[in-house]
Amino acid sequence: MDAIEGWIEATGLPAGVRGGTATRRFAGVSELPWGRASYGEYCGDRPEAVARNRALLRDSLGLAREPIWLRQVHGTAVVVLESSVAQERGGATPVADACVVRGRGLAAVIQTADCMPILLAADDSDEVAAIHAGWRGLAAGVIEATLARMNAAPASIRAWLGPAIGQDAFEVGPEVRAAFVGADPGAAACFRRGRDDRWHAHLADLTQRRLLALGIARISGGDLCTVSAPAQFHSFRRDGAASGRMATLVWREV
């Protein structure tokens, strides 16, 4: 596929699997402060603009079917769908922070604006998955919950980490550090001391530690900071209520 403005192609996925992130510069009809494209239904953008942006995303990527959009709540719930089963239009949006799709032609999608978007794809099965991992979901086990719903062996799975908040911008309280270090003392290396009792967390490194501990060793991406590139990425930490949402998708080609 030719290069598309505003699209960051995922690397390192198996042959026949496509994925990546649609940024605020992707084709869309949103207006400032949401940039050209925002995909979140609860970010203040006009509903008709979000619907049109989603349609343009589907058409620009050549998807034959509507991706599986989620109502994300920073939890660990996972929805699993067979590609032969279409999501009914007008039906309830699944409340979950991860989606596993089995089969071809149906995309799993999650929305982010600083949280870590994680794409998984197996070498030896038809499974793909998209995970929304903020620090709460990551600490609570959203990656572990997703793998528990997949049939593929972890060693056969490849992961890609999309744009997320970088360590310089991700200042957190001691309770965040404690949530990770209490379960994994080695996670202390993913935190740098900040002012007073604050810490700077390296979300990409924390994510990689979780993946490696689960047996997923082939990991790419994770080097793009949402906060530091306002022309390209939505960022809630930077823009607050004026922030839109990006879309990160993965699908197995027909």
Protein backbone atom coordinates (compact mmCIF):
# COMPACT_ATOMS: atom_id res chain seq x y z
CA MET A 1 0.00 0.00 0.00
CA ASP A 2 1.26 3.48 -0.85
CA ALA A 3 2.17 5.79 1.99
CA ILE A 4 -0.84 7.54 3.54
CA GLU A 5 -0.45 10.88 5.29
CA GLY A 6 -0.98 10.53 9.01
CA TRP A 7 -0.58 6.73 9.04
CA ILE A 8 2.25 5.04 10.96
CA GLU A 9 2.71 1.50 9.70
CA ALA A 10 3.39 -1.19 12.28
CA THR A 11 6.65 -3.06 11.77
CA GLY A 12 7.70 -6.58 12.63
CA LEU A 13 4.29 -8.23 12.22
CA PRO A 14 3.89 -11.59 10.43
CA ALA A 15 3.40 -11.76 6.67
CA GLY A 16 -0.21 -11.08 5.75
CA VAL A 17 -0.89 -8.98 8.85
CA ARG A 18 -1.33 -5.22 8.60
CA GLY A 19 -1.50 -2.69 11.37
CA GLY A 20 -0.56 0.76 12.53
CA THR A 21 -1.76 4.04 14.00
CA ALA A 22 -3.92 6.72 12.38
CA THR A 23 -2.75 10.03 13.85
CA ARG A 24 -4.47 13.41 13.99
CA ARG A 25 -3.07 14.12 10.50
CA PHE A 26 -4.95 11.25 8.86
CA ALA A 27 -7.77 12.12 6.43
CA GLY A 28 -10.68 13.52 8.41
CA VAL A 29 -13.20 16.31 8.89
CA SER A 30 -12.52 17.33 12.49
CA GLU A 31 -11.61 20.94 13.28
CA LEU A 32 -9.37 22.52 15.87
CA PRO A 33 -8.60 21.74 18.63
CA TRP A 34 -9.02 18.11 17.50
CA GLY A 35 -6.79 18.33 14.45
CA ARG A 36 -7.93 16.79 11.19
CA ALA A 37 -8.83 13.36 12.52
CA SER A 38 -10.13 12.20 15.89
CA TYR A 39 -11.82 8.87 16.51
CA GLY A 40 -13.11 9.21 20.08
CA GLU A 41 -16.84 9.51 20.66
CA TYR A 42 -16.48 11.12 24.08
CA CYS A 43 -13.84 13.79 23.45
CA GLY A 44 -16.05 16.74 22.58
CA ASP A 45 -15.77 16.48 18.81
CA ARG A 46 -18.99 16.50 16.77
CA PRO A 47 -20.47 12.98 16.55
CA GLU A 48 -20.96 13.35 12.81
CA ALA A 49 -17.30 14.29 12.41
CA VAL A 50 -16.14 11.23 14.37
CA ALA A 51 -18.43 8.99 12.31
CA ARG A 52 -17.06 10.46 9.08
CA ASN A 53 -13.47 10.10 10.28
CA ARG A 54 -14.08 6.44 11.04
CA ALA A 55 -15.57 5.91 7.59
CA LEU A 56 -12.60 7.63 5.94
CA LEU A 57 -10.23 5.46 7.98
CA ARG A 58 -11.95 2.30 6.82
CA ASP A 59 -12.01 3.40 3.19
CA SER A 60 -8.43 4.73 3.12
CA LEU A 61 -7.06 1.47 4.51
CA GLY A 62 -9.17 -0.62 2.14
CA LEU A 63 -11.02 -2.42 4.91
CA ALA A 64 -14.07 -4.28 3.68
CA ARG A 65 -15.77 -4.17 7.07
CA GLU A 66 -16.16 -1.82 10.01
CA PRO A 67 -13.45 -2.39 12.64
CA ILE A 68 -14.46 -3.50 16.12
CA TRP A 69 -14.63 -0.27 18.13
CA LEU A 70 -14.59 -0.51 21.93
CA ARG A 71 -15.83 1.53 24.87
CA GLN A 72 -12.55 1.66 26.82
CA VAL A 73 -12.52 1.98 30.61
CA HIS A 74 -8.85 1.40 31.60
CA GLY A 75 -9.68 -2.14 32.68
CA THR A 76 -8.74 -5.68 31.71
CA ALA A 77 -11.84 -6.94 29.89
CA VAL A 78 -11.20 -8.58 26.52
CA VAL A 79 -13.69 -9.14 23.70
CA VAL A 80 -13.06 -12.09 21.34
CA LEU A 81 -14.64 -12.22 17.90
CA GLU A 82 -14.54 -14.51 14.91
CA SER A 83 -14.06 -12.65 11.63
CA SER A 84 -17.06 -14.55 10.24
CA VAL A 85 -19.28 -12.73 12.73
CA ALA A 86 -19.97 -9.09 11.91
CA GLN A 87 -20.57 -6.48 14.56
CA GLU A 88 -24.17 -5.41 14.20
CA ARG A 89 -24.65 -1.75 13.35
CA GLY A 90 -26.55 -0.05 16.09
CA GLY A 91 -25.66 -2.79 18.57
CA ALA A 92 -24.04 -2.11 21.91
CA THR A 93 -20.37 -1.18 21.72
CA PRO A 94 -18.31 -3.75 23.66
CA VAL A 95 -16.97 -2.40 26.97
CA ALA A 96 -13.39 -3.66 26.96
CA ASP A 97 -9.78 -2.55 26.65
CA ALA A 98 -8.60 -5.29 24.32
CA CYS A 99 -9.96 -7.13 21.32
CA VAL A 100 -8.90 -10.48 19.88
CA VAL A 101 -9.98 -11.31 16.32
CA ARG A 102 -9.75 -14.79 14.84
CA GLY A 103 -9.79 -14.96 11.07
CA ARG A 104 -9.21 -12.65 8.14
CA GLY A 105 -10.60 -9.34 7.01
CA LEU A 106 -11.82 -7.93 10.34
CA ALA A 107 -9.75 -5.32 12.18
CA ALA A 108 -9.38 -4.92 15.93
CA VAL A 109 -8.98 -1.26 16.90
CA ILE A 110 -8.29 0.71 20.06
CA GLN A 111 -8.12 4.47 20.73
CA THR A 112 -5.33 6.28 22.56
CA ALA A 113 -4.05 9.73 23.46
CA ASP A 114 -0.95 8.88 25.57
CA CYS A 115 -1.74 5.30 26.68
CA MET A 116 0.21 2.49 25.04
CA PRO A 117 -1.39 0.87 21.97
CA ILE A 118 -0.22 -2.74 21.65
CA LEU A 119 -0.75 -4.92 18.59
CA LEU A 120 -0.26 -8.69 18.72
CA ALA A 121 -0.23 -11.17 15.85
CA ALA A 122 0.59 -14.87 15.80
CA ASP A 123 2.81 -16.68 13.31
CA ASP A 124 1.04 -20.02 13.56
CA SER A 125 -2.63 -19.08 13.91
CA ASP A 126 -5.07 -16.56 12.45
CA GLU A 127 -5.30 -14.49 15.64
CA VAL A 128 -4.58 -10.78 16.01
CA ALA A 129 -5.21 -8.50 18.98
CA ALA A 130 -5.24 -4.81 19.87
CA ILE A 131 -4.71 -3.69 23.48
CA HIS A 132 -5.25 -0.32 25.19
CA ALA A 133 -2.71 -0.11 28.02
CA GLY A 134 -2.53 2.90 30.27
CA TRP A 135 -0.62 2.44 33.49
CA ARG A 136 -3.74 1.23 35.34
CA GLY A 137 -4.60 -1.41 32.77
CA LEU A 138 -0.98 -2.45 32.40
CA ALA A 139 -0.53 -2.88 36.16
CA ALA A 140 -3.86 -4.68 36.46
CA GLY A 141 -2.91 -7.23 33.80
CA VAL A 142 -4.61 -6.28 30.53
CA ILE A 143 -1.82 -7.94 28.51
CA GLU A 144 -2.05 -11.10 30.58
CA ALA A 145 -5.84 -11.12 30.21
CA THR A 146 -5.53 -10.80 26.43
CA LEU A 147 -3.04 -13.65 26.11
CA ALA A 148 -5.31 -15.81 28.26
CA ARG A 149 -8.00 -15.43 25.58
CA MET A 150 -5.67 -16.24 22.68
CA ASN A 151 -5.00 -19.79 21.46
CA ALA A 152 -1.54 -19.02 20.11
CA ALA A 153 1.57 -19.84 22.10
CA PRO A 154 3.34 -16.69 23.35
CA ALA A 155 6.56 -17.66 21.56
CA SER A 156 4.69 -17.49 18.24
CA ILE A 157 3.34 -13.98 18.85
CA ARG A 158 4.89 -10.76 17.61
CA ALA A 159 4.14 -7.39 19.23
CA TRP A 160 4.22 -3.79 18.05
CA LEU A 161 4.03 -0.80 20.38
CA GLY A 162 2.53 2.36 18.94
CA PRO A 163 2.91 6.04 19.90
CA ALA A 164 2.52 6.72 23.64
CA ILE A 165 3.65 9.16 26.30
CA GLY A 166 7.43 9.25 26.69
CA GLN A 167 9.33 9.08 29.95
CA ASP A 168 10.27 12.78 30.05
CA ALA A 169 6.58 13.75 29.96
CA PHE A 170 5.15 10.95 32.10
CA GLU A 171 5.45 12.21 35.66
CA VAL A 172 3.60 10.01 38.15
CA GLY A 173 3.13 9.65 41.88
CA PRO A 174 4.78 7.09 44.15
CA GLU A 175 1.64 4.95 44.09
CA VAL A 176 2.16 4.26 40.37
CA ARG A 177 5.74 3.13 40.92
CA ALA A 178 4.62 0.98 43.86
CA ALA A 179 1.96 -0.71 41.72
CA PHE A 180 4.63 -2.02 39.36
CA VAL A 181 7.63 -2.53 41.62
CA GLY A 182 5.53 -4.36 44.20
CA ALA A 183 4.74 -7.03 41.61
CA ASP A 184 8.09 -6.90 39.80
CA PRO A 185 11.10 -5.43 41.64
CA GLY A 186 12.99 -5.19 38.36
CA ALA A 187 10.45 -2.64 37.15
CA ALA A 188 12.27 -0.07 39.32
CA ALA A 189 14.63 0.38 36.37
CA CYS A 190 11.70 1.82 34.39
CA PHE A 191 11.35 4.81 36.73
CA ARG A 192 13.53 7.92 37.01
CA ARG A 193 13.25 10.16 40.05
CA GLY A 194 11.58 13.51 39.44
CA ARG A 195 10.77 16.48 41.65
CA ASP A 196 9.79 15.92 45.27
CA ASP A 197 8.13 12.49 45.53
CA ARG A 198 7.39 12.24 41.81
CA TRP A 199 8.77 9.76 39.31
CA HIS A 200 9.08 9.64 35.53
CA ALA A 201 7.74 6.33 34.24
CA HIS A 202 8.95 4.68 31.02
CA LEU A 203 5.67 3.22 29.76
CA ALA A 204 7.25 1.47 26.76
CA ASP A 205 9.85 -0.28 28.94
CA LEU A 206 7.18 -1.32 31.46
CA THR A 207 5.16 -2.77 28.59
CA GLN A 208 8.14 -4.63 27.18
CA ARG A 209 8.91 -6.15 30.60
CA ARG A 210 5.40 -7.55 30.77
CA LEU A 211 5.58 -8.97 27.25
CA LEU A 212 9.00 -10.54 27.80
CA ALA A 213 7.88 -12.10 31.09
CA LEU A 214 4.97 -13.70 29.23
CA GLY A 215 7.24 -15.20 26.58
CA ILE A 216 6.76 -12.64 23.80
CA ALA A 217 10.27 -11.71 22.72
CA ARG A 218 9.75 -10.24 19.25
CA ILE A 219 8.77 -6.65 20.02
CA SER A 220 9.05 -3.59 17.78
CA GLY A 221 8.04 0.05 18.03
CA GLY A 222 7.60 1.95 21.29
CA ASP A 223 9.88 4.87 20.41
CA LEU A 224 7.36 7.62 19.56
CA CYS A 225 6.25 10.13 22.22
CA THR A 226 2.76 11.55 21.86
CA VAL A 227 3.32 14.58 24.09
CA SER A 228 6.35 15.94 22.26
CA ALA A 229 4.82 16.02 18.75
CA PRO A 230 1.62 18.10 18.91
CA ALA A 231 1.24 18.42 15.14
CA GLN A 232 1.14 14.65 14.76
CA PHE A 233 -0.28 13.07 17.91
CA HIS A 234 -3.21 13.59 20.22
CA SER A 235 -2.13 13.82 23.88
CA PHE A 236 -4.41 14.07 26.90
CA ARG A 237 -1.45 14.89 29.17
CA ARG A 238 -0.60 17.85 26.95
CA ASP A 239 -4.05 19.08 25.85
CA GLY A 240 -6.49 17.82 28.49
CA ALA A 241 -10.13 18.01 27.42
CA ALA A 242 -9.08 19.41 24.04
CA SER A 243 -7.38 16.14 23.15
CA GLY A 244 -8.85 13.82 20.54
CA ARG A 245 -8.07 10.14 20.14
CA MET A 246 -5.93 8.26 17.63
CA ALA A 247 -6.85 4.84 16.28
CA THR A 248 -4.50 1.84 16.24
CA LEU A 249 -5.65 -1.14 14.21
CA VAL A 250 -4.52 -4.64 13.28
CA TRP A 251 -6.01 -7.11 10.82
CA ARG A 252 -5.13 -10.16 8.81
CA GLU A 253 -5.49 -9.58 5.10
CA VAL A 254 -7.97 -11.63 3.08
